[in-house]
Amino acid sequence: MPATSRPQSAPALSQRERQVLAHIAAGLSHKQVARRLGISVHTVSTYLRRIRSKRTAPTVAHLIHLSMTEDAATPTGPRSAP
């Protein structure tokens, strides 16, 4: 198995989780992400907590790195948020 592929046991991120992570990776604050997606700041935090439960990562920076690694390993390349 290549080092960049996600282990089979790790659950996939939902579309919304990927959107939240993409906005965080772009440098937006929780409040800015909430405004752009039309959700509450609490919901942004909930999505990040769910992402962390699916990916073992101690920091947001590590989550972003894992996300970029996964996107690079997919045939379609990086996912973009609308």
PDB file of N, CA and C in Angstrom:
ATOM      1  N   MET A   1       0.851  -1.175   0.000  1.00  0.00           N
ATOM      2  CA  MET A   1       0.000   0.000   0.000  1.00  0.00           C
ATOM      3  C   MET A   1       0.893   1.233   0.000  1.00  0.00           C
ATOM      4  N   PRO A   2       0.656   2.210  -0.905  1.00  0.00           N
ATOM      5  CA  PRO A   2       1.465   3.422  -0.936  1.00  0.00           C
ATOM      6  C   PRO A   2       1.308   4.230   0.343  1.00  0.00           C
ATOM      7  N   ALA A   3       2.347   4.956   0.699  1.00  0.00           N
ATOM      8  CA  ALA A   3       2.341   5.736   1.941  1.00  0.00           C
ATOM      9  C   ALA A   3       1.307   6.850   1.909  1.00  0.00           C
ATOM     10  N   THR A   4       0.908   7.314   0.732  1.00  0.00           N
ATOM     11  CA  THR A   4      -0.022   8.431   0.638  1.00  0.00           C
ATOM     12  C   THR A   4      -1.478   8.015   0.628  1.00  0.00           C
ATOM     13  N   SER A   5      -1.772   6.729   0.562  1.00  0.00           N
ATOM     14  CA  SER A   5      -3.164   6.310   0.514  1.00  0.00           C
ATOM     15  C   SER A   5      -3.741   6.202   1.917  1.00  0.00           C
ATOM     16  N   ARG A   6      -5.039   6.427   2.002  1.00  0.00           N
ATOM     17  CA  ARG A   6      -5.739   6.357   3.272  1.00  0.00           C
ATOM     18  C   ARG A   6      -5.958   4.900   3.627  1.00  0.00           C
ATOM     19  N   PRO A   7      -5.710   4.512   4.884  1.00  0.00           N
ATOM     20  CA  PRO A   7      -5.952   3.124   5.280  1.00  0.00           C
ATOM     21  C   PRO A   7      -7.411   2.750   5.031  1.00  0.00           C
ATOM     22  N   GLN A   8      -7.652   1.487   4.695  1.00  0.00           N
ATOM     23  CA  GLN A   8      -8.998   1.005   4.399  1.00  0.00           C
ATOM     24  C   GLN A   8      -9.953   1.238   5.568  1.00  0.00           C
ATOM     25  N   SER A   9      -9.464   1.176   6.802  1.00  0.00           N
ATOM     26  CA  SER A   9     -10.333   1.281   7.965  1.00  0.00           C
ATOM     27  C   SER A   9     -10.756   2.716   8.281  1.00  0.00           C
ATOM     28  N   ALA A  10     -10.091   3.718   7.718  1.00  0.00           N
ATOM     29  CA  ALA A  10     -10.431   5.112   8.012  1.00  0.00           C
ATOM     30  C   ALA A  10     -11.676   5.517   7.224  1.00  0.00           C
ATOM     31  N   PRO A  11     -12.709   5.992   7.923  1.00  0.00           N
ATOM     32  CA  PRO A  11     -13.930   6.394   7.224  1.00  0.00           C
ATOM     33  C   PRO A  11     -13.675   7.614   6.338  1.00  0.00           C
ATOM     34  N   ALA A  12     -14.386   7.676   5.240  1.00  0.00           N
ATOM     35  CA  ALA A  12     -14.250   8.810   4.328  1.00  0.00           C
ATOM     36  C   ALA A  12     -14.889  10.053   4.944  1.00  0.00           C
ATOM     37  N   LEU A  13     -14.352  11.196   4.585  1.00  0.00           N
ATOM     38  CA  LEU A  13     -14.950  12.453   5.029  1.00  0.00           C
ATOM     39  C   LEU A  13     -16.172  12.753   4.172  1.00  0.00           C
ATOM     40  N   SER A  14     -17.179  13.329   4.806  1.00  0.00           N
ATOM     41  CA  SER A  14     -18.372  13.731   4.060  1.00  0.00           C
ATOM     42  C   SER A  14     -18.046  14.964   3.217  1.00  0.00           C
ATOM     43  N   GLN A  15     -18.923  15.265   2.290  1.00  0.00           N
ATOM     44  CA  GLN A  15     -18.743  16.449   1.444  1.00  0.00           C
ATOM     45  C   GLN A  15     -18.614  17.705   2.310  1.00  0.00           C
ATOM     46  N   ARG A  16     -19.469  17.849   3.302  1.00  0.00           N
ATOM     47  CA  ARG A  16     -19.456  19.033   4.160  1.00  0.00           C
ATOM     48  C   ARG A  16     -18.184  19.087   4.995  1.00  0.00           C
ATOM     49  N   GLU A  17     -17.729  17.942   5.486  1.00  0.00           N
ATOM     50  CA  GLU A  17     -16.479  17.907   6.250  1.00  0.00           C
ATOM     51  C   GLU A  17     -15.320  18.357   5.372  1.00  0.00           C
ATOM     52  N   ARG A  18     -15.299  17.915   4.110  1.00  0.00           N
ATOM     53  CA  ARG A  18     -14.244  18.349   3.192  1.00  0.00           C
ATOM     54  C   ARG A  18     -14.331  19.851   2.929  1.00  0.00           C
ATOM     55  N   GLN A  19     -15.551  20.384   2.822  1.00  0.00           N
ATOM     56  CA  GLN A  19     -15.723  21.822   2.610  1.00  0.00           C
ATOM     57  C   GLN A  19     -15.173  22.611   3.795  1.00  0.00           C
ATOM     58  N   VAL A  20     -15.548  22.198   4.993  1.00  0.00           N
ATOM     59  CA  VAL A  20     -15.073  22.886   6.195  1.00  0.00           C
ATOM     60  C   VAL A  20     -13.550  22.821   6.261  1.00  0.00           C
ATOM     61  N   LEU A  21     -12.990  21.652   6.034  1.00  0.00           N
ATOM     62  CA  LEU A  21     -11.544  21.491   6.088  1.00  0.00           C
ATOM     63  C   LEU A  21     -10.853  22.340   5.019  1.00  0.00           C
ATOM     64  N   ALA A  22     -11.430  22.425   3.836  1.00  0.00           N
ATOM     65  CA  ALA A  22     -10.847  23.239   2.763  1.00  0.00           C
ATOM     66  C   ALA A  22     -10.820  24.714   3.149  1.00  0.00           C
ATOM     67  N   HIS A  23     -11.894  25.188   3.763  1.00  0.00           N
ATOM     68  CA  HIS A  23     -11.937  26.591   4.192  1.00  0.00           C
ATOM     69  C   HIS A  23     -10.937  26.863   5.319  1.00  0.00           C
ATOM     70  N   ILE A  24     -10.827  25.928   6.249  1.00  0.00           N
ATOM     71  CA  ILE A  24      -9.849  26.074   7.329  1.00  0.00           C
ATOM     72  C   ILE A  24      -8.443  26.071   6.739  1.00  0.00           C
ATOM     73  N   ALA A  25      -8.211  25.186   5.768  1.00  0.00           N
ATOM     74  CA  ALA A  25      -6.899  25.106   5.116  1.00  0.00           C
ATOM     75  C   ALA A  25      -6.572  26.399   4.374  1.00  0.00           C
ATOM     76  N   ALA A  26      -7.605  27.082   3.897  1.00  0.00           N
ATOM     77  CA  ALA A  26      -7.406  28.353   3.191  1.00  0.00           C
ATOM     78  C   ALA A  26      -7.134  29.507   4.156  1.00  0.00           C
ATOM     79  N   GLY A  27      -7.185  29.216   5.460  1.00  0.00           N
ATOM     80  CA  GLY A  27      -6.844  30.237   6.447  1.00  0.00           C
ATOM     81  C   GLY A  27      -8.017  30.972   7.047  1.00  0.00           C
ATOM     82  N   LEU A  28      -9.227  30.524   6.777  1.00  0.00           N
ATOM     83  CA  LEU A  28     -10.399  31.193   7.328  1.00  0.00           C
ATOM     84  C   LEU A  28     -10.601  30.803   8.785  1.00  0.00           C
ATOM     85  N   SER A  29     -11.168  31.722   9.549  1.00  0.00           N
ATOM     86  CA  SER A  29     -11.493  31.444  10.946  1.00  0.00           C
ATOM     87  C   SER A  29     -12.784  30.627  11.000  1.00  0.00           C
ATOM     88  N   HIS A  30     -13.067  30.094  12.167  1.00  0.00           N
ATOM     89  CA  HIS A  30     -14.313  29.338  12.343  1.00  0.00           C
ATOM     90  C   HIS A  30     -15.519  30.218  12.002  1.00  0.00           C
ATOM     91  N   LYS A  31     -15.476  31.468  12.422  1.00  0.00           N
ATOM     92  CA  LYS A  31     -16.577  32.394  12.163  1.00  0.00           C
ATOM     93  C   LYS A  31     -16.734  32.658  10.664  1.00  0.00           C
ATOM     94  N   GLN A  32     -15.623  32.830   9.952  1.00  0.00           N
ATOM     95  CA  GLN A  32     -15.682  33.062   8.513  1.00  0.00           C
ATOM     96  C   GLN A  32     -16.213  31.834   7.773  1.00  0.00           C
ATOM     97  N   VAL A  33     -15.773  30.657   8.188  1.00  0.00           N
ATOM     98  CA  VAL A  33     -16.262  29.414   7.578  1.00  0.00           C
ATOM     99  C   VAL A  33     -17.769  29.311   7.795  1.00  0.00           C
ATOM    100  N   ALA A  34     -18.204  29.581   9.005  1.00  0.00           N
ATOM    101  CA  ALA A  34     -19.629  29.506   9.332  1.00  0.00           C
ATOM    102  C   ALA A  34     -20.443  30.441   8.438  1.00  0.00           C
ATOM    103  N   ARG A  35     -19.971  31.663   8.282  1.00  0.00           N
ATOM    104  CA  ARG A  35     -20.674  32.632   7.447  1.00  0.00           C
ATOM    105  C   ARG A  35     -20.751  32.170   5.991  1.00  0.00           C
ATOM    106  N   ARG A  36     -19.633  31.682   5.465  1.00  0.00           N
ATOM    107  CA  ARG A  36     -19.591  31.245   4.055  1.00  0.00           C
ATOM    108  C   ARG A  36     -20.481  30.050   3.779  1.00  0.00           C
ATOM    109  N   LEU A  37     -20.584  29.143   4.752  1.00  0.00           N
ATOM    110  CA  LEU A  37     -21.368  27.923   4.541  1.00  0.00           C
ATOM    111  C   LEU A  37     -22.796  28.038   5.075  1.00  0.00           C
ATOM    112  N   GLY A  38     -23.103  29.141   5.725  1.00  0.00           N
ATOM    113  CA  GLY A  38     -24.446  29.334   6.255  1.00  0.00           C
ATOM    114  C   GLY A  38     -24.771  28.418   7.425  1.00  0.00           C
ATOM    115  N   ILE A  39     -23.755  28.177   8.265  1.00  0.00           N
ATOM    116  CA  ILE A  39     -23.925  27.340   9.450  1.00  0.00           C
ATOM    117  C   ILE A  39     -23.406  28.103  10.664  1.00  0.00           C
ATOM    118  N   SER A  40     -23.617  27.560  11.840  1.00  0.00           N
ATOM    119  CA  SER A  40     -23.137  28.229  13.046  1.00  0.00           C
ATOM    120  C   SER A  40     -21.671  27.892  13.311  1.00  0.00           C
ATOM    121  N   VAL A  41     -21.038  28.720  14.123  1.00  0.00           N
ATOM    122  CA  VAL A  41     -19.652  28.473  14.524  1.00  0.00           C
ATOM    123  C   VAL A  41     -19.570  27.147  15.281  1.00  0.00           C
ATOM    124  N   HIS A  42     -20.586  26.863  16.083  1.00  0.00           N
ATOM    125  CA  HIS A  42     -20.627  25.601  16.822  1.00  0.00           C
ATOM    126  C   HIS A  42     -20.632  24.413  15.856  1.00  0.00           C
ATOM    127  N   THR A  43     -21.357  24.543  14.752  1.00  0.00           N
ATOM    128  CA  THR A  43     -21.420  23.461  13.764  1.00  0.00           C
ATOM    129  C   THR A  43     -20.074  23.270  13.083  1.00  0.00           C
ATOM    130  N   VAL A  44     -19.362  24.364  12.830  1.00  0.00           N
ATOM    131  CA  VAL A  44     -18.013  24.252  12.264  1.00  0.00           C
ATOM    132  C   VAL A  44     -17.133  23.451  13.224  1.00  0.00           C
ATOM    133  N   SER A  45     -17.201  23.771  14.499  1.00  0.00           N
ATOM    134  CA  SER A  45     -16.427  23.039  15.504  1.00  0.00           C
ATOM    135  C   SER A  45     -16.822  21.565  15.541  1.00  0.00           C
ATOM    136  N   THR A  46     -18.110  21.295  15.397  1.00  0.00           N
ATOM    137  CA  THR A  46     -18.584  19.914  15.388  1.00  0.00           C
ATOM    138  C   THR A  46     -18.017  19.156  14.194  1.00  0.00           C
ATOM    139  N   TYR A  47     -18.024  19.785  13.014  1.00  0.00           N
ATOM    140  CA  TYR A  47     -17.457  19.131  11.835  1.00  0.00           C
ATOM    141  C   TYR A  47     -15.967  18.849  12.041  1.00  0.00           C
ATOM    142  N   LEU A  48     -15.240  19.794  12.601  1.00  0.00           N
ATOM    143  CA  LEU A  48     -13.819  19.575  12.848  1.00  0.00           C
ATOM    144  C   LEU A  48     -13.598  18.452  13.858  1.00  0.00           C
ATOM    145  N   ARG A  49     -14.460  18.366  14.854  1.00  0.00           N
ATOM    146  CA  ARG A  49     -14.364  17.278  15.834  1.00  0.00           C
ATOM    147  C   ARG A  49     -14.624  15.928  15.158  1.00  0.00           C
ATOM    148  N   ARG A  50     -15.596  15.888  14.250  1.00  0.00           N
ATOM    149  CA  ARG A  50     -15.888  14.652  13.520  1.00  0.00           C
ATOM    150  C   ARG A  50     -14.712  14.258  12.625  1.00  0.00           C
ATOM    151  N   ILE A  51     -14.115  15.257  11.978  1.00  0.00           N
ATOM    152  CA  ILE A  51     -12.953  14.994  11.120  1.00  0.00           C
ATOM    153  C   ILE A  51     -11.832  14.401  11.963  1.00  0.00           C
ATOM    154  N   ARG A  52     -11.600  14.997  13.130  1.00  0.00           N
ATOM    155  CA  ARG A  52     -10.545  14.489  14.012  1.00  0.00           C
ATOM    156  C   ARG A  52     -10.823  13.069  14.478  1.00  0.00           C
ATOM    157  N   SER A  53     -12.087  12.726  14.640  1.00  0.00           N
ATOM    158  CA  SER A  53     -12.412  11.356  15.062  1.00  0.00           C
ATOM    159  C   SER A  53     -12.166  10.356  13.929  1.00  0.00           C
ATOM    160  N   LYS A  54     -12.238  10.834  12.703  1.00  0.00           N
ATOM    161  CA  LYS A  54     -11.998   9.969  11.539  1.00  0.00           C
ATOM    162  C   LYS A  54     -10.524   9.904  11.169  1.00  0.00           C
ATOM    163  N   ARG A  55      -9.785  10.935  11.508  1.00  0.00           N
ATOM    164  CA  ARG A  55      -8.354  11.005  11.181  1.00  0.00           C
ATOM    165  C   ARG A  55      -7.589  11.302  12.458  1.00  0.00           C
ATOM    166  N   THR A  56      -6.653  10.461  12.806  1.00  0.00           N
ATOM    167  CA  THR A  56      -5.854  10.702  13.989  1.00  0.00           C
ATOM    168  C   THR A  56      -4.888  11.835  13.680  1.00  0.00           C
ATOM    169  N   ALA A  57      -5.185  12.995  14.229  1.00  0.00           N
ATOM    170  CA  ALA A  57      -4.352  14.162  13.983  1.00  0.00           C
ATOM    171  C   ALA A  57      -4.439  15.079  15.204  1.00  0.00           C
ATOM    172  N   PRO A  58      -3.309  15.413  15.798  1.00  0.00           N
ATOM    173  CA  PRO A  58      -3.323  16.227  17.012  1.00  0.00           C
ATOM    174  C   PRO A  58      -3.625  17.707  16.772  1.00  0.00           C
ATOM    175  N   THR A  59      -3.390  18.188  15.562  1.00  0.00           N
ATOM    176  CA  THR A  59      -3.588  19.618  15.275  1.00  0.00           C
ATOM    177  C   THR A  59      -4.330  19.795  13.960  1.00  0.00           C
ATOM    178  N   VAL A  60      -4.869  20.996  13.768  1.00  0.00           N
ATOM    179  CA  VAL A  60      -5.518  21.330  12.502  1.00  0.00           C
ATOM    180  C   VAL A  60      -4.491  21.289  11.374  1.00  0.00           C
ATOM    181  N   ALA A  61      -3.269  21.724  11.648  1.00  0.00           N
ATOM    182  CA  ALA A  61      -2.219  21.690  10.619  1.00  0.00           C
ATOM    183  C   ALA A  61      -1.983  20.262  10.144  1.00  0.00           C
ATOM    184  N   HIS A  62      -1.993  19.313  11.056  1.00  0.00           N
ATOM    185  CA  HIS A  62      -1.809  17.912  10.688  1.00  0.00           C
ATOM    186  C   HIS A  62      -3.001  17.404   9.876  1.00  0.00           C
ATOM    187  N   LEU A  63      -4.210  17.806  10.251  1.00  0.00           N
ATOM    188  CA  LEU A  63      -5.393  17.436   9.490  1.00  0.00           C
ATOM    189  C   LEU A  63      -5.312  17.958   8.053  1.00  0.00           C
ATOM    190  N   ILE A  64      -4.879  19.194   7.912  1.00  0.00           N
ATOM    191  CA  ILE A  64      -4.751  19.798   6.585  1.00  0.00           C
ATOM    192  C   ILE A  64      -3.723  19.043   5.761  1.00  0.00           C
ATOM    193  N   HIS A  65      -2.614  18.684   6.390  1.00  0.00           N
ATOM    194  CA  HIS A  65      -1.584  17.914   5.689  1.00  0.00           C
ATOM    195  C   HIS A  65      -2.138  16.569   5.228  1.00  0.00           C
ATOM    196  N   LEU A  66      -2.868  15.884   6.096  1.00  0.00           N
ATOM    197  CA  LEU A  66      -3.463  14.607   5.730  1.00  0.00           C
ATOM    198  C   LEU A  66      -4.457  14.782   4.587  1.00  0.00           C
ATOM    199  N   SER A  67      -5.239  15.848   4.651  1.00  0.00           N
ATOM    200  CA  SER A  67      -6.220  16.114   3.610  1.00  0.00           C
ATOM    201  C   SER A  67      -5.540  16.348   2.266  1.00  0.00           C
ATOM    202  N   MET A  68      -4.472  17.123   2.266  1.00  0.00           N
ATOM    203  CA  MET A  68      -3.747  17.399   1.025  1.00  0.00           C
ATOM    204  C   MET A  68      -3.127  16.120   0.484  1.00  0.00           C
ATOM    205  N   THR A  69      -2.612  15.276   1.347  1.00  0.00           N
ATOM    206  CA  THR A  69      -2.015  14.013   0.940  1.00  0.00           C
ATOM    207  C   THR A  69      -3.071  13.108   0.311  1.00  0.00           C
ATOM    208  N   GLU A  70      -4.254  13.044   0.922  1.00  0.00           N
ATOM    209  CA  GLU A  70      -5.338  12.231   0.387  1.00  0.00           C
ATOM    210  C   GLU A  70      -5.798  12.766  -0.966  1.00  0.00           C
ATOM    211  N   ASP A  71      -5.934  14.094  -1.092  1.00  0.00           N
ATOM    212  CA  ASP A  71      -6.374  14.695  -2.343  1.00  0.00           C
ATOM    213  C   ASP A  71      -5.387  14.416  -3.458  1.00  0.00           C
ATOM    214  N   ALA A  72      -4.103  14.450  -3.157  1.00  0.00           N
ATOM    215  CA  ALA A  72      -3.077  14.196  -4.164  1.00  0.00           C
ATOM    216  C   ALA A  72      -3.113  12.743  -4.616  1.00  0.00           C
ATOM    217  N   ALA A  73      -3.584  11.853  -3.749  1.00  0.00           N
ATOM    218  CA  ALA A  73      -3.637  10.436  -4.086  1.00  0.00           C
ATOM    219  C   ALA A  73      -4.868  10.049  -4.885  1.00  0.00           C
ATOM    220  N   THR A  74      -5.861  10.958  -4.968  1.00  0.00           N
ATOM    221  CA  THR A  74      -7.073  10.636  -5.716  1.00  0.00           C
ATOM    222  C   THR A  74      -6.865  10.913  -7.192  1.00  0.00           C
ATOM    223  N   PRO A  75      -7.517  10.156  -8.070  1.00  0.00           N
ATOM    224  CA  PRO A  75      -7.338  10.337  -9.507  1.00  0.00           C
ATOM    225  C   PRO A  75      -7.808  11.699 -10.007  1.00  0.00           C
ATOM    226  N   THR A  76      -8.785  12.296  -9.326  1.00  0.00           N
ATOM    227  CA  THR A  76      -9.322  13.580  -9.782  1.00  0.00           C
ATOM    228  C   THR A  76      -8.557  14.757  -9.222  1.00  0.00           C
ATOM    229  N   GLY A  77      -7.615  14.517  -8.311  1.00  0.00           N
ATOM    230  CA  GLY A  77      -6.846  15.609  -7.729  1.00  0.00           C
ATOM    231  C   GLY A  77      -7.588  16.266  -6.588  1.00  0.00           C
ATOM    232  N   PRO A  78      -7.172  17.490  -6.249  1.00  0.00           N
ATOM    233  CA  PRO A  78      -7.774  18.182  -5.104  1.00  0.00           C
ATOM    234  C   PRO A  78      -9.239  18.471  -5.310  1.00  0.00           C
ATOM    235  N   ARG A  79      -9.965  18.411  -4.206  1.00  0.00           N
ATOM    236  CA  ARG A  79     -11.382  18.769  -4.219  1.00  0.00           C
ATOM    237  C   ARG A  79     -11.490  20.249  -3.902  1.00  0.00           C
ATOM    238  N   SER A  80     -12.409  20.919  -4.526  1.00  0.00           N
ATOM    239  CA  SER A  80     -12.588  22.332  -4.220  1.00  0.00           C
ATOM    240  C   SER A  80     -13.957  22.555  -3.610  1.00  0.00           C
ATOM    241  N   ALA A  81     -14.020  23.511  -2.731  1.00  0.00           N
ATOM    242  CA  ALA A  81     -15.279  23.864  -2.095  1.00  0.00           C
ATOM    243  C   ALA A  81     -15.957  24.944  -2.918  1.00  0.00           C
ATOM    244  N   PRO A  82     -17.271  24.884  -3.054  1.00  0.00           N
ATOM    245  CA  PRO A  82     -17.968  25.912  -3.830  1.00  0.00           C
ATOM    246  C   PRO A  82     -17.943  27.245  -3.149  1.00  0.00           C
TER     247      PRO A  82
END
